[in-house]
Amino acid sequence: MRWPWQKRQEAAPPAPLALPAHAPERVQMLEGLVAVATDELAKAGLFTVLSKSVVALTGGMPWPVTFFALCAGYLYVHYAFASMTSQATALYAGFLGAGFAAGAPPMMIAIVLAAFSSLNAGITHYGTGSATVFFGAGFVTQGQWWRVGFFLSLMILVIWLGIGPLWWKLTGIWP
């Protein structure tokens, strides 16, 4: 609070945001990859082939085994994708369909795959737009990132596929 007779003090201007010089190029690179995933891969029929392959690989297994395999596979296949959006675009529907075909509870498989679509962001240094900026700024080495990311992925699996089903049973998501 300022009294009328007090001299007004001007606030210092905020310091400019210190981003690495290559940050805008990284974001543009990811935009291009997302465009490729959504347009060119769909035209090439990759999504259809992936969906059929996932269903063929998991066919005949009991639904709990299929559920775990699909969820763990969906999490770890992120190492092959340069963005969360491209992975979700390419694989979510196919993995979801395979879960439905195996008899997994629909709400349960849909929620876990949707959550894993974002929880996988930290497992690689290129998996999301902000990760490339942090990695490019030199906060951690690639080896450190991948070790911590792998540890986090194990924790994600324990929490979501180990403890999660107990909670889902209690809340009615898993009938």
Protein backbone atom coordinates (compact mmCIF):
# COMPACT_ATOMS: atom_id res chain seq x y z
CA MET A 1 0.00 0.00 0.00
CA ARG A 2 1.24 3.48 -0.82
CA TRP A 3 0.28 6.70 0.95
CA PRO A 4 -0.52 9.72 -1.25
CA TRP A 5 2.61 11.63 -0.10
CA GLN A 6 4.99 8.70 -0.73
CA LYS A 7 7.03 8.73 -3.89
CA ARG A 8 5.94 6.12 -6.36
CA GLN A 9 8.59 3.48 -6.92
CA GLU A 10 8.86 2.00 -10.36
CA ALA A 11 9.22 -1.74 -10.50
CA ALA A 12 12.24 -3.09 -12.30
CA PRO A 13 11.34 -4.64 -15.63
CA PRO A 14 11.27 -8.44 -15.56
CA ALA A 15 14.36 -10.23 -16.73
CA PRO A 16 14.00 -11.70 -20.21
CA LEU A 17 13.23 -15.39 -20.35
CA ALA A 18 16.47 -17.24 -20.94
CA LEU A 19 15.68 -19.96 -23.44
CA PRO A 20 18.32 -21.75 -25.44
CA ALA A 21 18.76 -20.23 -28.88
CA HIS A 22 17.64 -23.43 -30.60
CA ALA A 23 14.35 -23.79 -28.68
CA PRO A 24 12.09 -22.42 -31.47
CA GLU A 25 13.71 -24.76 -34.00
CA ARG A 26 13.02 -27.75 -31.73
CA VAL A 27 9.33 -26.86 -31.49
CA GLN A 28 9.13 -26.44 -35.26
CA MET A 29 10.82 -29.82 -35.71
CA LEU A 30 8.22 -31.47 -33.50
CA GLU A 31 5.39 -29.78 -35.38
CA GLY A 32 6.70 -31.31 -38.58
CA LEU A 33 6.89 -34.76 -37.04
CA VAL A 34 3.31 -34.51 -35.80
CA ALA A 35 2.16 -33.51 -39.28
CA VAL A 36 3.95 -36.52 -40.74
CA ALA A 37 2.34 -38.82 -38.18
CA THR A 38 -1.17 -37.61 -38.75
CA ASP A 39 -1.16 -37.29 -42.52
CA GLU A 40 1.49 -39.28 -44.33
CA LEU A 41 1.46 -42.35 -42.11
CA ALA A 42 -2.32 -42.54 -42.31
CA LYS A 43 -2.18 -42.31 -46.11
CA ALA A 44 0.40 -45.09 -46.18
CA GLY A 45 -1.92 -47.34 -44.16
CA LEU A 46 0.49 -47.75 -41.26
CA PHE A 47 -2.20 -47.34 -38.61
CA THR A 48 -4.27 -50.15 -40.11
CA VAL A 49 -1.26 -52.47 -40.30
CA LEU A 50 -0.24 -51.66 -36.71
CA SER A 51 -3.76 -52.22 -35.41
CA LYS A 52 -4.09 -55.58 -37.14
CA SER A 53 -0.64 -56.63 -35.93
CA VAL A 54 -1.43 -55.77 -32.31
CA VAL A 55 -4.71 -57.70 -32.45
CA ALA A 56 -2.95 -60.70 -34.05
CA LEU A 57 -0.18 -60.70 -31.41
CA THR A 58 -2.57 -60.55 -28.46
CA GLY A 59 -5.29 -62.82 -29.83
CA GLY A 60 -6.11 -65.84 -27.69
CA MET A 61 -4.48 -64.58 -24.49
CA PRO A 62 -6.57 -64.05 -21.35
CA TRP A 63 -7.65 -60.42 -21.05
CA PRO A 64 -5.54 -59.61 -17.93
CA VAL A 65 -2.38 -60.76 -19.72
CA THR A 66 -3.38 -58.86 -22.84
CA PHE A 67 -4.20 -55.79 -20.75
CA PHE A 68 -0.77 -55.78 -19.10
CA ALA A 69 1.05 -56.49 -22.37
CA LEU A 70 -0.82 -53.76 -24.24
CA CYS A 71 -0.29 -51.15 -21.52
CA ALA A 72 3.40 -51.94 -21.00
CA GLY A 73 3.96 -52.14 -24.75
CA TYR A 74 2.20 -48.82 -25.28
CA LEU A 75 4.39 -47.19 -22.64
CA TYR A 76 7.69 -48.55 -23.95
CA VAL A 77 6.98 -48.11 -27.65
CA HIS A 78 7.30 -44.39 -26.93
CA TYR A 79 11.07 -44.85 -27.36
CA ALA A 80 10.33 -45.19 -31.08
CA PHE A 81 8.29 -41.98 -31.34
CA ALA A 82 9.47 -38.41 -31.32
CA SER A 83 6.29 -37.00 -29.84
CA MET A 84 3.41 -38.01 -27.63
CA THR A 85 0.90 -36.82 -30.21
CA SER A 86 2.35 -38.93 -33.00
CA GLN A 87 2.32 -42.01 -30.77
CA ALA A 88 -1.26 -41.48 -29.64
CA THR A 89 -2.35 -40.80 -33.21
CA ALA A 90 -0.61 -43.88 -34.54
CA LEU A 91 -1.32 -46.41 -31.81
CA TYR A 92 -4.10 -45.49 -29.37
CA ALA A 93 -7.03 -46.76 -31.45
CA GLY A 94 -5.26 -49.98 -32.39
CA PHE A 95 -4.22 -50.80 -28.84
CA LEU A 96 -7.67 -49.88 -27.56
CA GLY A 97 -9.32 -52.12 -30.14
CA ALA A 98 -7.01 -55.00 -29.21
CA GLY A 99 -7.95 -54.51 -25.55
CA PHE A 100 -11.64 -54.54 -26.42
CA ALA A 101 -11.20 -57.67 -28.55
CA ALA A 102 -9.44 -59.42 -25.65
CA GLY A 103 -12.33 -58.63 -23.31
CA ALA A 104 -10.58 -56.05 -21.12
CA PRO A 105 -12.98 -53.72 -19.29
CA PRO A 106 -13.46 -50.86 -21.78
CA MET A 107 -13.21 -47.98 -19.29
CA MET A 108 -10.12 -49.44 -17.68
CA ILE A 109 -8.12 -49.95 -20.89
CA ALA A 110 -9.23 -46.56 -22.27
CA ILE A 111 -8.16 -44.69 -19.12
CA VAL A 112 -4.80 -46.43 -18.79
CA LEU A 113 -3.83 -45.97 -22.44
CA ALA A 114 -4.94 -42.34 -22.34
CA ALA A 115 -2.92 -41.72 -19.17
CA PHE A 116 0.12 -43.51 -20.61
CA SER A 117 -0.15 -41.18 -23.63
CA SER A 118 1.11 -38.39 -21.38
CA LEU A 119 2.96 -40.27 -18.64
CA ASN A 120 5.46 -41.44 -21.23
CA ALA A 121 6.64 -37.85 -21.78
CA GLY A 122 9.55 -38.06 -19.38
CA ILE A 123 11.08 -41.36 -20.39
CA THR A 124 13.08 -39.94 -23.31
CA HIS A 125 14.84 -36.68 -23.98
CA TYR A 126 12.94 -36.23 -27.24
CA GLY A 127 9.48 -37.46 -26.22
CA THR A 128 7.81 -34.09 -25.79
CA GLY A 129 8.46 -30.48 -26.78
CA SER A 130 9.62 -29.30 -23.37
CA ALA A 131 11.95 -32.29 -22.95
CA THR A 132 13.98 -31.28 -25.98
CA VAL A 133 14.44 -27.80 -24.55
CA PHE A 134 15.56 -29.10 -21.15
CA PHE A 135 17.88 -31.63 -22.72
CA GLY A 136 19.27 -29.11 -25.19
CA ALA A 137 20.02 -26.69 -22.36
CA GLY A 138 22.33 -29.30 -20.84
CA PHE A 139 20.52 -29.87 -17.55
CA VAL A 140 21.13 -33.62 -17.77
CA THR A 141 23.02 -36.01 -20.01
CA GLN A 142 21.23 -38.43 -22.30
CA GLY A 143 22.34 -41.36 -20.15
CA GLN A 144 21.01 -39.73 -16.99
CA TRP A 145 17.70 -38.96 -18.69
CA TRP A 146 17.24 -42.50 -19.98
CA ARG A 147 18.17 -44.08 -16.61
CA VAL A 148 15.76 -41.87 -14.68
CA GLY A 149 13.13 -42.30 -17.41
CA PHE A 150 13.38 -46.07 -17.23
CA PHE A 151 13.10 -45.99 -13.42
CA LEU A 152 10.04 -43.73 -13.72
CA SER A 153 8.52 -46.09 -16.28
CA LEU A 154 8.85 -48.97 -13.81
CA MET A 155 7.18 -46.86 -11.13
CA ILE A 156 4.38 -45.96 -13.57
CA LEU A 157 3.80 -49.65 -14.26
CA VAL A 158 3.78 -50.55 -10.55
CA ILE A 159 1.36 -47.76 -9.67
CA TRP A 160 -0.98 -48.02 -12.66
CA LEU A 161 -0.95 -51.79 -13.24
CA GLY A 162 -0.10 -53.02 -9.75
CA ILE A 163 -1.92 -50.74 -7.32
CA GLY A 164 -4.35 -49.26 -9.85
CA PRO A 165 -6.53 -52.36 -10.30
CA LEU A 166 -7.24 -52.43 -6.57
CA TRP A 167 -8.46 -48.85 -6.73
CA TRP A 168 -10.44 -49.49 -9.90
CA LYS A 169 -12.16 -52.45 -8.23
CA LEU A 170 -13.04 -50.25 -5.27
CA THR A 171 -14.40 -47.42 -7.43
CA GLY A 172 -16.23 -49.67 -9.90
CA ILE A 173 -14.13 -48.96 -12.99
CA TRP A 174 -13.24 -52.65 -12.98
CA PRO A 175 -16.51 -54.52 -12.43
